[in-house]
PDB file of all heavy atoms in Angstrom:
ATOM      1  N   GLY A   1      50.196  74.577 102.405  1.00  0.00           N
ATOM      2  CA  GLY A   1      49.252  75.325 103.224  1.00  0.00           C
ATOM      3  C   GLY A   1      47.835  75.237 102.691  1.00  0.00           C
ATOM      4  O   GLY A   1      46.871  75.115 103.456  1.00  0.00           O
ATOM      5  N   THR A   2      47.711  75.287 101.384  1.00  0.00           N
ATOM      6  CA  THR A   2      46.385  75.202 100.764  1.00  0.00           C
ATOM      7  C   THR A   2      45.724  73.858 101.054  1.00  0.00           C
ATOM      8  O   THR A   2      44.548  73.790 101.446  1.00  0.00           O
ATOM      9  CB  THR A   2      46.489  75.411  99.246  1.00  0.00           C
ATOM     10  OG1 THR A   2      47.049  76.701  98.984  1.00  0.00           O
ATOM     11  CG2 THR A   2      45.118  75.322  98.590  1.00  0.00           C
ATOM     12  N   VAL A   3      46.476  72.775 100.868  1.00  0.00           N
ATOM     13  CA  VAL A   3      45.918  71.439 101.092  1.00  0.00           C
ATOM     14  C   VAL A   3      45.528  71.252 102.555  1.00  0.00           C
ATOM     15  O   VAL A   3      44.427  70.773 102.867  1.00  0.00           O
ATOM     16  CB  VAL A   3      46.923  70.349 100.662  1.00  0.00           C
ATOM     17  CG1 VAL A   3      46.445  68.976 101.091  1.00  0.00           C
ATOM     18  CG2 VAL A   3      47.119  70.385  99.154  1.00  0.00           C
ATOM     19  N   LEU A   4      46.411  71.657 103.484  1.00  0.00           N
ATOM     20  CA  LEU A   4      46.101  71.509 104.905  1.00  0.00           C
ATOM     21  C   LEU A   4      44.913  72.376 105.310  1.00  0.00           C
ATOM     22  O   LEU A   4      44.054  71.954 106.100  1.00  0.00           O
ATOM     23  CB  LEU A   4      47.325  71.866 105.750  1.00  0.00           C
ATOM     24  CG  LEU A   4      48.552  70.960 105.609  1.00  0.00           C
ATOM     25  CD1 LEU A   4      49.667  71.432 106.543  1.00  0.00           C
ATOM     26  CD2 LEU A   4      48.208  69.506 105.911  1.00  0.00           C
ATOM     27  N   GLY A   5      44.844  73.592 104.766  1.00  0.00           N
ATOM     28  CA  GLY A   5      43.732  74.485 105.086  1.00  0.00           C
ATOM     29  C   GLY A   5      42.404  73.954 104.577  1.00  0.00           C
ATOM     30  O   GLY A   5      41.387  74.005 105.284  1.00  0.00           O
ATOM     31  N   ASN A   6      42.394  73.455 103.351  1.00  0.00           N
ATOM     32  CA  ASN A   6      41.163  72.871 102.799  1.00  0.00           C
ATOM     33  C   ASN A   6      40.713  71.656 103.607  1.00  0.00           C
ATOM     34  O   ASN A   6      39.516  71.468 103.874  1.00  0.00           O
ATOM     35  CB  ASN A   6      41.385  72.459 101.342  1.00  0.00           C
ATOM     36  CG  ASN A   6      41.454  73.646 100.406  1.00  0.00           C
ATOM     37  OD1 ASN A   6      40.905  74.712 100.684  1.00  0.00           O
ATOM     38  ND2 ASN A   6      42.132  73.479  99.281  1.00  0.00           N
ATOM     39  N   TRP A   7      41.696  70.839 103.990  1.00  0.00           N
ATOM     40  CA  TRP A   7      41.410  69.628 104.760  1.00  0.00           C
ATOM     41  C   TRP A   7      40.786  69.994 106.106  1.00  0.00           C
ATOM     42  O   TRP A   7      39.739  69.460 106.484  1.00  0.00           O
ATOM     43  CB  TRP A   7      42.714  68.866 104.949  1.00  0.00           C
ATOM     44  CG  TRP A   7      42.615  67.506 105.578  1.00  0.00           C
ATOM     45  CD1 TRP A   7      41.509  66.927 106.163  1.00  0.00           C
ATOM     46  CD2 TRP A   7      43.674  66.555 105.684  1.00  0.00           C
ATOM     47  NE1 TRP A   7      41.828  65.679 106.630  1.00  0.00           N
ATOM     48  CE2 TRP A   7      43.137  65.413 106.354  1.00  0.00           C
ATOM     49  CE3 TRP A   7      45.012  66.540 105.292  1.00  0.00           C
ATOM     50  CZ2 TRP A   7      43.914  64.291 106.639  1.00  0.00           C
ATOM     51  CZ3 TRP A   7      45.781  65.424 105.571  1.00  0.00           C
ATOM     52  CH2 TRP A   7      45.241  64.312 106.223  1.00  0.00           C
ATOM     53  N   TYR A   8      41.424  70.931 106.824  1.00  0.00           N
ATOM     54  CA  TYR A   8      40.939  71.263 108.160  1.00  0.00           C
ATOM     55  C   TYR A   8      39.619  72.039 108.118  1.00  0.00           C
ATOM     56  O   TYR A   8      38.785  71.897 109.017  1.00  0.00           O
ATOM     57  CB  TYR A   8      41.991  72.053 108.928  1.00  0.00           C
ATOM     58  CG  TYR A   8      41.870  71.911 110.430  1.00  0.00           C
ATOM     59  CD1 TYR A   8      41.349  70.756 110.999  1.00  0.00           C
ATOM     60  CD2 TYR A   8      42.307  72.909 111.288  1.00  0.00           C
ATOM     61  CE1 TYR A   8      41.251  70.606 112.373  1.00  0.00           C
ATOM     62  CE2 TYR A   8      42.213  72.771 112.663  1.00  0.00           C
ATOM     63  CZ  TYR A   8      41.691  71.610 113.198  1.00  0.00           C
ATOM     64  OH  TYR A   8      41.580  71.462 114.566  1.00  0.00           O
ATOM     65  N   ALA A   9      39.423  72.830 107.096  1.00  0.00           N
ATOM     66  CA  ALA A   9      38.165  73.574 106.970  1.00  0.00           C
ATOM     67  C   ALA A   9      36.977  72.628 106.926  1.00  0.00           C
ATOM     68  O   ALA A   9      35.905  72.925 107.471  1.00  0.00           O
ATOM     69  CB  ALA A   9      38.199  74.452 105.720  1.00  0.00           C
ATOM     70  N   GLU A  10      37.146  71.468 106.284  1.00  0.00           N
ATOM     71  CA  GLU A  10      36.059  70.490 106.226  1.00  0.00           C
ATOM     72  C   GLU A  10      35.693  69.990 107.616  1.00  0.00           C
ATOM     73  O   GLU A  10      34.517  69.778 107.919  1.00  0.00           O
ATOM     74  CB  GLU A  10      36.460  69.306 105.331  1.00  0.00           C
ATOM     75  CG  GLU A  10      36.497  69.633 103.848  1.00  0.00           C
ATOM     76  CD  GLU A  10      35.137  70.101 103.335  1.00  0.00           C
ATOM     77  OE1 GLU A  10      34.125  69.440 103.653  1.00  0.00           O
ATOM     78  OE2 GLU A  10      35.094  71.130 102.637  1.00  0.00           O
ATOM     79  N   ASP A  11      36.709  69.812 108.481  1.00  0.00           N
ATOM     80  CA  ASP A  11      36.442  69.373 109.852  1.00  0.00           C
ATOM     81  C   ASP A  11      35.772  70.486 110.664  1.00  0.00           C
ATOM     82  O   ASP A  11      34.878  70.228 111.474  1.00  0.00           O
ATOM     83  CB  ASP A  11      37.748  68.972 110.548  1.00  0.00           C
ATOM     84  CG  ASP A  11      38.365  67.718 109.955  1.00  0.00           C
ATOM     85  OD1 ASP A  11      37.629  66.933 109.328  1.00  0.00           O
ATOM     86  OD2 ASP A  11      39.581  67.529 110.109  1.00  0.00           O
ATOM     87  N   LEU A  12      36.211  71.719 110.435  1.00  0.00           N
ATOM     88  CA  LEU A  12      35.725  72.842 111.241  1.00  0.00           C
ATOM     89  C   LEU A  12      34.306  73.271 110.867  1.00  0.00           C
ATOM     90  O   LEU A  12      33.636  73.934 111.666  1.00  0.00           O
ATOM     91  CB  LEU A  12      36.676  74.033 111.083  1.00  0.00           C
ATOM     92  CG  LEU A  12      38.098  73.814 111.590  1.00  0.00           C
ATOM     93  CD1 LEU A  12      38.975  75.008 111.234  1.00  0.00           C
ATOM     94  CD2 LEU A  12      38.120  73.593 113.100  1.00  0.00           C
ATOM     95  N   LYS A  13      33.850  72.900 109.681  1.00  0.00           N
ATOM     96  CA  LYS A  13      32.501  73.284 109.258  1.00  0.00           C
ATOM     97  C   LYS A  13      31.428  72.737 110.192  1.00  0.00           C
ATOM     98  O   LYS A  13      30.349  73.311 110.319  1.00  0.00           O
ATOM     99  CB  LYS A  13      32.230  72.786 107.830  1.00  0.00           C
ATOM    100  CG  LYS A  13      32.921  73.591 106.746  1.00  0.00           C
ATOM    101  CD  LYS A  13      32.609  72.992 105.379  1.00  0.00           C
ATOM    102  CE  LYS A  13      33.326  73.749 104.267  1.00  0.00           C
ATOM    103  NZ  LYS A  13      33.043  73.159 102.936  1.00  0.00           N
ATOM    104  N   ASP A  14      31.724  71.636 110.843  1.00  0.00           N
ATOM    105  CA  ASP A  14      30.739  70.999 111.714  1.00  0.00           C
ATOM    106  C   ASP A  14      30.756  71.540 113.142  1.00  0.00           C
ATOM    107  O   ASP A  14      29.975  71.113 113.984  1.00  0.00           O
ATOM    108  CB  ASP A  14      30.971  69.483 111.754  1.00  0.00           C
ATOM    109  CG  ASP A  14      30.735  68.837 110.390  1.00  0.00           C
ATOM    110  OD1 ASP A  14      29.888  69.349 109.644  1.00  0.00           O
ATOM    111  OD2 ASP A  14      31.412  67.839 110.094  1.00  0.00           O
ATOM    112  N   LEU A  15      31.681  72.481 113.426  1.00  0.00           N
ATOM    113  CA  LEU A  15      31.753  73.044 114.770  1.00  0.00           C
ATOM    114  C   LEU A  15      30.502  73.859 115.075  1.00  0.00           C
ATOM    115  O   LEU A  15      30.018  74.619 114.239  1.00  0.00           O
ATOM    116  CB  LEU A  15      32.968  73.973 114.894  1.00  0.00           C
ATOM    117  CG  LEU A  15      34.337  73.331 115.125  1.00  0.00           C
ATOM    118  CD1 LEU A  15      35.390  74.426 115.202  1.00  0.00           C
ATOM    119  CD2 LEU A  15      34.364  72.496 116.392  1.00  0.00           C
ATOM    120  N   GLN A  16      30.006  73.710 116.285  1.00  0.00           N
ATOM    121  CA  GLN A  16      28.862  74.497 116.730  1.00  0.00           C
ATOM    122  C   GLN A  16      29.353  75.528 117.743  1.00  0.00           C
ATOM    123  O   GLN A  16      29.182  75.393 118.947  1.00  0.00           O
ATOM    124  CB  GLN A  16      27.803  73.580 117.355  1.00  0.00           C
ATOM    125  CG  GLN A  16      27.234  72.549 116.404  1.00  0.00           C
ATOM    126  CD  GLN A  16      26.466  73.176 115.242  1.00  0.00           C
ATOM    127  OE1 GLN A  16      25.733  74.153 115.434  1.00  0.00           O
ATOM    128  NE2 GLN A  16      26.623  72.624 114.053  1.00  0.00           N
ATOM    129  N   LEU A  17      29.991  76.588 117.227  1.00  0.00           N
ATOM    130  CA  LEU A  17      30.542  77.614 118.103  1.00  0.00           C
ATOM    131  C   LEU A  17      29.454  78.568 118.580  1.00  0.00           C
ATOM    132  O   LEU A  17      28.560  78.932 117.818  1.00  0.00           O
ATOM    133  CB  LEU A  17      31.628  78.416 117.367  1.00  0.00           C
ATOM    134  CG  LEU A  17      32.906  77.656 116.981  1.00  0.00           C
ATOM    135  CD1 LEU A  17      33.827  78.571 116.201  1.00  0.00           C
ATOM    136  CD2 LEU A  17      33.601  77.100 118.211  1.00  0.00           C
ATOM    137  N   GLU A  18      29.556  78.974 119.820  1.00  0.00           N
ATOM    138  CA  GLU A  18      28.599  79.935 120.361  1.00  0.00           C
ATOM    139  C   GLU A  18      28.709  81.269 119.621  1.00  0.00           C
ATOM    140  O   GLU A  18      27.704  81.925 119.357  1.00  0.00           O
ATOM    141  CB  GLU A  18      28.872  80.143 121.852  1.00  0.00           C
ATOM    142  CG  GLU A  18      27.873  81.057 122.538  1.00  0.00           C
ATOM    143  CD  GLU A  18      28.119  81.164 124.025  1.00  0.00           C
ATOM    144  OE1 GLU A  18      28.813  80.290 124.584  1.00  0.00           O
ATOM    145  OE2 GLU A  18      27.622  82.130 124.648  1.00  0.00           O
ATOM    146  N   ILE A  19      29.944  81.649 119.287  1.00  0.00           N
ATOM    147  CA  ILE A  19      30.189  82.882 118.529  1.00  0.00           C
ATOM    148  C   ILE A  19      30.977  82.505 117.275  1.00  0.00           C
ATOM    149  O   ILE A  19      32.172  82.217 117.358  1.00  0.00           O
ATOM    150  CB  ILE A  19      30.982  83.904 119.357  1.00  0.00           C
ATOM    151  CG1 ILE A  19      30.295  84.152 120.702  1.00  0.00           C
ATOM    152  CG2 ILE A  19      31.133  85.213 118.595  1.00  0.00           C
ATOM    153  CD1 ILE A  19      31.108  84.997 121.652  1.00  0.00           C
ATOM    154  N   PRO A  20      30.387  82.493 116.098  1.00  0.00           N
ATOM    155  CA  PRO A  20      31.087  82.104 114.858  1.00  0.00           C
ATOM    156  C   PRO A  20      32.253  83.039 114.535  1.00  0.00           C
ATOM    157  O   PRO A  20      32.255  84.211 114.916  1.00  0.00           O
ATOM    158  CB  PRO A  20      29.988  82.202 113.793  1.00  0.00           C
ATOM    159  CG  PRO A  20      28.704  82.149 114.545  1.00  0.00           C
ATOM    160  CD  PRO A  20      28.969  82.802 115.859  1.00  0.00           C
ATOM    161  N   PHE A  21      33.236  82.506 113.819  1.00  0.00           N
ATOM    162  CA  PHE A  21      34.354  83.327 113.359  1.00  0.00           C
ATOM    163  C   PHE A  21      33.855  84.355 112.340  1.00  0.00           C
ATOM    164  O   PHE A  21      33.005  84.049 111.502  1.00  0.00           O
ATOM    165  CB  PHE A  21      35.419  82.460 112.678  1.00  0.00           C
ATOM    166  CG  PHE A  21      35.925  81.322 113.511  1.00  0.00           C
ATOM    167  CD1 PHE A  21      35.946  80.031 112.992  1.00  0.00           C
ATOM    168  CD2 PHE A  21      36.381  81.514 114.801  1.00  0.00           C
ATOM    169  CE1 PHE A  21      36.417  78.960 113.737  1.00  0.00           C
ATOM    170  CE2 PHE A  21      36.851  80.456 115.570  1.00  0.00           C
ATOM    171  CZ  PHE A  21      36.870  79.173 115.032  1.00  0.00           C
ATOM    172  N   ASP A  22      34.426  85.556 112.396  1.00  0.00           N
ATOM    173  CA  ASP A  22      34.068  86.600 111.432  1.00  0.00           C
ATOM    174  C   ASP A  22      35.157  86.831 110.386  1.00  0.00           C
ATOM    175  O   ASP A  22      34.865  87.286 109.278  1.00  0.00           O
ATOM    176  CB  ASP A  22      33.792  87.928 112.155  1.00  0.00           C
ATOM    177  CG  ASP A  22      32.532  87.876 112.990  1.00  0.00           C
ATOM    178  OD1 ASP A  22      31.481  87.479 112.448  1.00  0.00           O
ATOM    179  OD2 ASP A  22      32.587  88.230 114.184  1.00  0.00           O
ATOM    180  N   ALA A  23      36.406  86.537 110.729  1.00  0.00           N
ATOM    181  CA  ALA A  23      37.503  86.778 109.786  1.00  0.00           C
ATOM    182  C   ALA A  23      38.734  85.993 110.213  1.00  0.00           C
ATOM    183  O   ALA A  23      38.946  85.748 111.408  1.00  0.00           O
ATOM    184  CB  ALA A  23      37.837  88.258 109.705  1.00  0.00           C
ATOM    185  N   VAL A  24      39.539  85.601 109.226  1.00  0.00           N
ATOM    186  CA  VAL A  24      40.814  84.927 109.475  1.00  0.00           C
ATOM    187  C   VAL A  24      41.933  85.955 109.411  1.00  0.00           C
ATOM    188  O   VAL A  24      42.024  86.736 108.455  1.00  0.00           O
ATOM    189  CB  VAL A  24      41.063  83.814 108.440  1.00  0.00           C
ATOM    190  CG1 VAL A  24      42.473  83.245 108.590  1.00  0.00           C
ATOM    191  CG2 VAL A  24      40.028  82.702 108.588  1.00  0.00           C
ATOM    192  N   ILE A  25      42.792  85.962 110.438  1.00  0.00           N
ATOM    193  CA  ILE A  25      43.908  86.907 110.519  1.00  0.00           C
ATOM    194  C   ILE A  25      45.218  86.124 110.575  1.00  0.00           C
ATOM    195  O   ILE A  25      45.463  85.397 111.548  1.00  0.00           O
ATOM    196  CB  ILE A  25      43.801  87.788 111.783  1.00  0.00           C
ATOM    197  CG1 ILE A  25      42.455  88.477 111.876  1.00  0.00           C
ATOM    198  CG2 ILE A  25      44.961  88.784 111.837  1.00  0.00           C
ATOM    199  CD1 ILE A  25      42.265  89.632 110.936  1.00  0.00           C
ATOM    200  N   PRO A  26      46.097  86.228 109.579  1.00  0.00           N
ATOM    201  CA  PRO A  26      47.381  85.520 109.642  1.00  0.00           C
ATOM    202  C   PRO A  26      48.369  86.256 110.543  1.00  0.00           C
ATOM    203  O   PRO A  26      48.366  87.487 110.609  1.00  0.00           O
ATOM    204  CB  PRO A  26      47.861  85.548 108.191  1.00  0.00           C
ATOM    205  CG  PRO A  26      47.288  86.828 107.647  1.00  0.00           C
ATOM    206  CD  PRO A  26      45.940  86.987 108.320  1.00  0.00           C
ATOM    207  N   VAL A  27      49.190  85.509 111.270  1.00  0.00           N
ATOM    208  CA  VAL A  27      50.302  86.137 111.976  1.00  0.00           C
ATOM    209  C   VAL A  27      51.213  86.751 110.910  1.00  0.00           C
ATOM    210  O   VAL A  27      51.683  86.045 110.014  1.00  0.00           O
ATOM    211  CB  VAL A  27      51.075  85.101 112.820  1.00  0.00           C
ATOM    212  CG1 VAL A  27      52.349  85.720 113.391  1.00  0.00           C
ATOM    213  CG2 VAL A  27      50.196  84.583 113.947  1.00  0.00           C
ATOM    214  N   PRO A  28      51.434  88.054 110.965  1.00  0.00           N
ATOM    215  CA  PRO A  28      52.143  88.717 109.865  1.00  0.00           C
ATOM    216  C   PRO A  28      53.662  88.624 109.963  1.00  0.00           C
ATOM    217  O   PRO A  28      54.213  88.414 111.046  1.00  0.00           O
ATOM    218  CB  PRO A  28      51.692  90.175 110.017  1.00  0.00           C
ATOM    219  CG  PRO A  28      51.500  90.337 111.497  1.00  0.00           C
ATOM    220  CD  PRO A  28      50.953  89.008 111.990  1.00  0.00           C
ATOM    221  N   LEU A  29      54.308  88.766 108.825  1.00  0.00           N
ATOM    222  CA  LEU A  29      55.753  88.940 108.767  1.00  0.00           C
ATOM    223  C   LEU A  29      56.067  90.427 108.735  1.00  0.00           C
ATOM    224  O   LEU A  29      55.265  91.236 108.258  1.00  0.00           O
ATOM    225  CB  LEU A  29      56.332  88.296 107.505  1.00  0.00           C
ATOM    226  CG  LEU A  29      56.219  86.776 107.347  1.00  0.00           C
ATOM    227  CD1 LEU A  29      56.871  86.353 106.033  1.00  0.00           C
ATOM    228  CD2 LEU A  29      56.850  86.051 108.509  1.00  0.00           C
ATOM    229  N   HIS A  30      57.233  90.799 109.226  1.00  0.00           N
ATOM    230  CA  HIS A  30      57.706  92.167 109.033  1.00  0.00           C
ATOM    231  C   HIS A  30      57.997  92.376 107.552  1.00  0.00           C
ATOM    232  O   HIS A  30      58.312  91.423 106.825  1.00  0.00           O
ATOM    233  CB  HIS A  30      58.977  92.396 109.862  1.00  0.00           C
ATOM    234  CG  HIS A  30      59.456  93.816 109.868  1.00  0.00           C
ATOM    235  ND1 HIS A  30      60.353  94.299 108.931  1.00  0.00           N
ATOM    236  CD2 HIS A  30      59.144  94.861 110.672  1.00  0.00           C
ATOM    237  CE1 HIS A  30      60.587  95.579 109.183  1.00  0.00           C
ATOM    238  NE2 HIS A  30      59.870  95.944 110.236  1.00  0.00           N
ATOM    239  N   LYS A  31      57.876  93.605 107.085  1.00  0.00           N
ATOM    240  CA  LYS A  31      58.097  93.892 105.658  1.00  0.00           C
ATOM    241  C   LYS A  31      59.463  93.423 105.186  1.00  0.00           C
ATOM    242  O   LYS A  31      59.612  92.923 104.059  1.00  0.00           O
ATOM    243  CB  LYS A  31      57.941  95.388 105.393  1.00  0.00           C
ATOM    244  CG  LYS A  31      56.509  95.898 105.542  1.00  0.00           C
ATOM    245  CD  LYS A  31      56.428  97.387 105.249  1.00  0.00           C
ATOM    246  CE  LYS A  31      54.989  97.891 105.393  1.00  0.00           C
ATOM    247  NZ  LYS A  31      54.900  99.355 105.138  1.00  0.00           N
ATOM    248  N   ARG A  32      60.456  93.564 106.045  1.00  0.00           N
ATOM    249  CA  ARG A  32      61.805  93.127 105.666  1.00  0.00           C
ATOM    250  C   ARG A  32      61.858  91.612 105.516  1.00  0.00           C
ATOM    251  O   ARG A  32      62.433  91.085 104.563  1.00  0.00           O
ATOM    252  CB  ARG A  32      62.809  93.602 106.719  1.00  0.00           C
ATOM    253  CG  ARG A  32      64.241  93.132 106.481  1.00  0.00           C
ATOM    254  CD  ARG A  32      65.167  93.693 107.546  1.00  0.00           C
ATOM    255  NE  ARG A  32      66.443  93.002 107.570  1.00  0.00           N
ATOM    256  CZ  ARG A  32      67.366  93.171 108.503  1.00  0.00           C
ATOM    257  NH1 ARG A  32      67.136  94.023 109.502  1.00  0.00           N
ATOM    258  NH2 ARG A  32      68.502  92.495 108.465  1.00  0.00           N
ATOM    259  N   LYS A  33      61.239  90.890 106.478  1.00  0.00           N
ATOM    260  CA  LYS A  33      61.213  89.430 106.402  1.00  0.00           C
ATOM    261  C   LYS A  33      60.422  88.953 105.187  1.00  0.00           C
ATOM    262  O   LYS A  33      60.801  87.994 104.517  1.00  0.00           O
ATOM    263  CB  LYS A  33      60.595  88.852 107.678  1.00  0.00           C
ATOM    264  CG  LYS A  33      60.461  87.346 107.707  1.00  0.00           C
ATOM    265  CD  LYS A  33      61.810  86.652 107.834  1.00  0.00           C
ATOM    266  CE  LYS A  33      62.337  86.783 109.242  1.00  0.00           C
ATOM    267  NZ  LYS A  33      63.567  85.964 109.455  1.00  0.00           N
ATOM    268  N   PHE A  34      59.311  89.651 104.912  1.00  0.00           N
ATOM    269  CA  PHE A  34      58.503  89.293 103.749  1.00  0.00           C
ATOM    270  C   PHE A  34      59.318  89.460 102.463  1.00  0.00           C
ATOM    271  O   PHE A  34      59.256  88.625 101.558  1.00  0.00           O
ATOM    272  CB  PHE A  34      57.250  90.159 103.687  1.00  0.00           C
ATOM    273  CG  PHE A  34      56.284  89.765 102.610  1.00  0.00           C
ATOM    274  CD1 PHE A  34      55.298  88.824 102.852  1.00  0.00           C
ATOM    275  CD2 PHE A  34      56.366  90.319 101.328  1.00  0.00           C
ATOM    276  CE1 PHE A  34      54.408  88.447 101.854  1.00  0.00           C
ATOM    277  CE2 PHE A  34      55.488  89.950 100.332  1.00  0.00           C
ATOM    278  CZ  PHE A  34      54.503  89.006 100.600  1.00  0.00           C
ATOM    279  N   LYS A  35      60.100  90.519 102.399  1.00  0.00           N
ATOM    280  CA  LYS A  35      60.929  90.767 101.210  1.00  0.00           C
ATOM    281  C   LYS A  35      62.002  89.690 101.083  1.00  0.00           C
ATOM    282  O   LYS A  35      62.312  89.237  99.980  1.00  0.00           O
ATOM    283  CB  LYS A  35      61.568  92.145 101.308  1.00  0.00           C
ATOM    284  CG  LYS A  35      62.322  92.565 100.063  1.00  0.00           C
ATOM    285  CD  LYS A  35      62.830  93.993 100.172  1.00  0.00           C
ATOM    286  CE  LYS A  35      63.555  94.416  98.897  1.00  0.00           C
ATOM    287  NZ  LYS A  35      64.058  95.824  98.991  1.00  0.00           N
ATOM    288  N   GLU A  36      62.562  89.255 102.193  1.00  0.00           N
ATOM    289  CA  GLU A  36      63.598  88.219 102.171  1.00  0.00           C
ATOM    290  C   GLU A  36      63.039  86.880 101.702  1.00  0.00           C
ATOM    291  O   GLU A  36      63.644  86.193 100.887  1.00  0.00           O
ATOM    292  CB  GLU A  36      64.198  88.056 103.576  1.00  0.00           C
ATOM    293  CG  GLU A  36      65.028  89.244 104.036  1.00  0.00           C
ATOM    294  CD  GLU A  36      65.439  89.121 105.496  1.00  0.00           C
ATOM    295  OE1 GLU A  36      64.993  88.147 106.164  1.00  0.00           O
ATOM    296  OE2 GLU A  36      66.181  89.984 105.977  1.00  0.00           O
ATOM    297  N   ARG A  37      61.855  86.527 102.233  1.00  0.00           N
ATOM    298  CA  ARG A  37      61.277  85.217 101.936  1.00  0.00           C
ATOM    299  C   ARG A  37      60.417  85.240 100.680  1.00  0.00           C
ATOM    300  O   ARG A  37      60.293  84.239  99.978  1.00  0.00           O
ATOM    301  CB  ARG A  37      60.458  84.729 103.136  1.00  0.00           C
ATOM    302  CG  ARG A  37      59.945  83.302 102.982  1.00  0.00           C
ATOM    303  CD  ARG A  37      59.325  82.816 104.282  1.00  0.00           C
ATOM    304  NE  ARG A  37      60.318  82.765 105.341  1.00  0.00           N
ATOM    305  CZ  ARG A  37      60.029  82.734 106.632  1.00  0.00           C
ATOM    306  NH1 ARG A  37      58.776  82.788 107.031  1.00  0.00           N
ATOM    307  NH2 ARG A  37      60.991  82.674 107.525  1.00  0.00           N
ATOM    308  N   GLY A  38      59.745  86.351 100.441  1.00  0.00           N
ATOM    309  CA  GLY A  38      58.906  86.477  99.253  1.00  0.00           C
ATOM    310  C   GLY A  38      57.449  86.134  99.484  1.00  0.00           C
ATOM    311  O   GLY A  38      56.601  86.359  98.627  1.00  0.00           O
ATOM    312  N   TYR A  39      57.122  85.598 100.650  1.00  0.00           N
ATOM    313  CA  TYR A  39      55.741  85.228 100.958  1.00  0.00           C
ATOM    314  C   TYR A  39      55.638  84.944 102.455  1.00  0.00           C
ATOM    315  O   TYR A  39      56.643  84.708 103.138  1.00  0.00           O
ATOM    316  CB  TYR A  39      55.307  83.980 100.176  1.00  0.00           C
ATOM    317  CG  TYR A  39      56.131  82.743 100.478  1.00  0.00           C
ATOM    318  CD1 TYR A  39      55.702  81.805 101.416  1.00  0.00           C
ATOM    319  CD2 TYR A  39      57.343  82.509  99.824  1.00  0.00           C
ATOM    320  CE1 TYR A  39      56.448  80.677 101.697  1.00  0.00           C
ATOM    321  CE2 TYR A  39      58.101  81.382 100.101  1.00  0.00           C
ATOM    322  CZ  TYR A  39      57.652  80.473 101.037  1.00  0.00           C
ATOM    323  OH  TYR A  39      58.404  79.361 101.320  1.00  0.00           O
ATOM    324  N   ASN A  40      54.409  84.994 102.960  1.00  0.00           N
ATOM    325  CA  ASN A  40      54.134  84.610 104.340  1.00  0.00           C
ATOM    326  C   ASN A  40      53.696  83.151 104.325  1.00  0.00           C
ATOM    327  O   ASN A  40      52.736  82.786 103.632  1.00  0.00           O
ATOM    328  CB  ASN A  40      53.022  85.497 104.923  1.00  0.00           C
ATOM    329  CG  ASN A  40      52.737  85.212 106.385  1.00  0.00           C
ATOM    330  OD1 ASN A  40      53.062  84.149 106.905  1.00  0.00           O
ATOM    331  ND2 ASN A  40      52.111  86.157 107.061  1.00  0.00           N
ATOM    332  N   GLN A  41      54.370  82.308 105.078  1.00  0.00           N
ATOM    333  CA  GLN A  41      54.122  80.867 105.006  1.00  0.00           C
ATOM    334  C   GLN A  41      52.733  80.459 105.492  1.00  0.00           C
ATOM    335  O   GLN A  41      52.289  79.338 105.232  1.00  0.00           O
ATOM    336  CB  GLN A  41      55.185  80.089 105.793  1.00  0.00           C
ATOM    337  CG  GLN A  41      55.109  80.227 107.307  1.00  0.00           C
ATOM    338  CD  GLN A  41      55.883  81.414 107.825  1.00  0.00           C
ATOM    339  OE1 GLN A  41      56.303  82.288 107.067  1.00  0.00           O
ATOM    340  NE2 GLN A  41      56.098  81.457 109.126  1.00  0.00           N
TER     341      GLN A  41
END
């Protein structure tokens, strides 16, 4: 995830969005699922 995120961020830096992003929000896991897996992918 880190490698793919770093790679894509370089491409997205050149975007000329009318409204820039303010924050990144991950699709969350339920607490039970997070406990089972140990991390959110």
